[in-house]
């Protein structure tokens, strides 16, 4: 009679161990899924930020090369210019825009990159923001426009 009690205890112990291993496996799978989705979202955000920075740098290089063109683009004190481009990167359409505002001898530029769907509307399918903005400042010198640096807030 004592042997049957020991067998039942061993079976219960094995069931508890099996349940614990199953729980740990499911926890590991949930953590891996969370890490993978966070990594993919981070890659998408980084791609947007790099696209906006690239657009701003290309605009700044064009202003440095062509000073007269830069003056013509923003000839008035508060005139704003918006330029739009659509780029498809890694099967995700990305729309970039750049806006320029002049204050005295400086040009305050904002480049925005955003993910769009096939219809051109902003994607709102998950919790992450699907747009990034990068700001920069160009200053008018005697030789032309010179890159001052990134701006963290516009006045």
Foldseek 3Di string as FASTA:
>chain_A
DVVVVVVVVVVVVVVVVVVVVVVVVVVVVVVVVVVVVVVVVVVLVVVQVVVQVVVVVVVLVVQLVDQVVVCVQAVDQFDKDKDWDWDQDPNWIKIKIKIWHHHPQKIKMKIKIFTDDPVRHGDDPDDDGGMDIWIFMWGQDPSGIDTPGTDPDDD
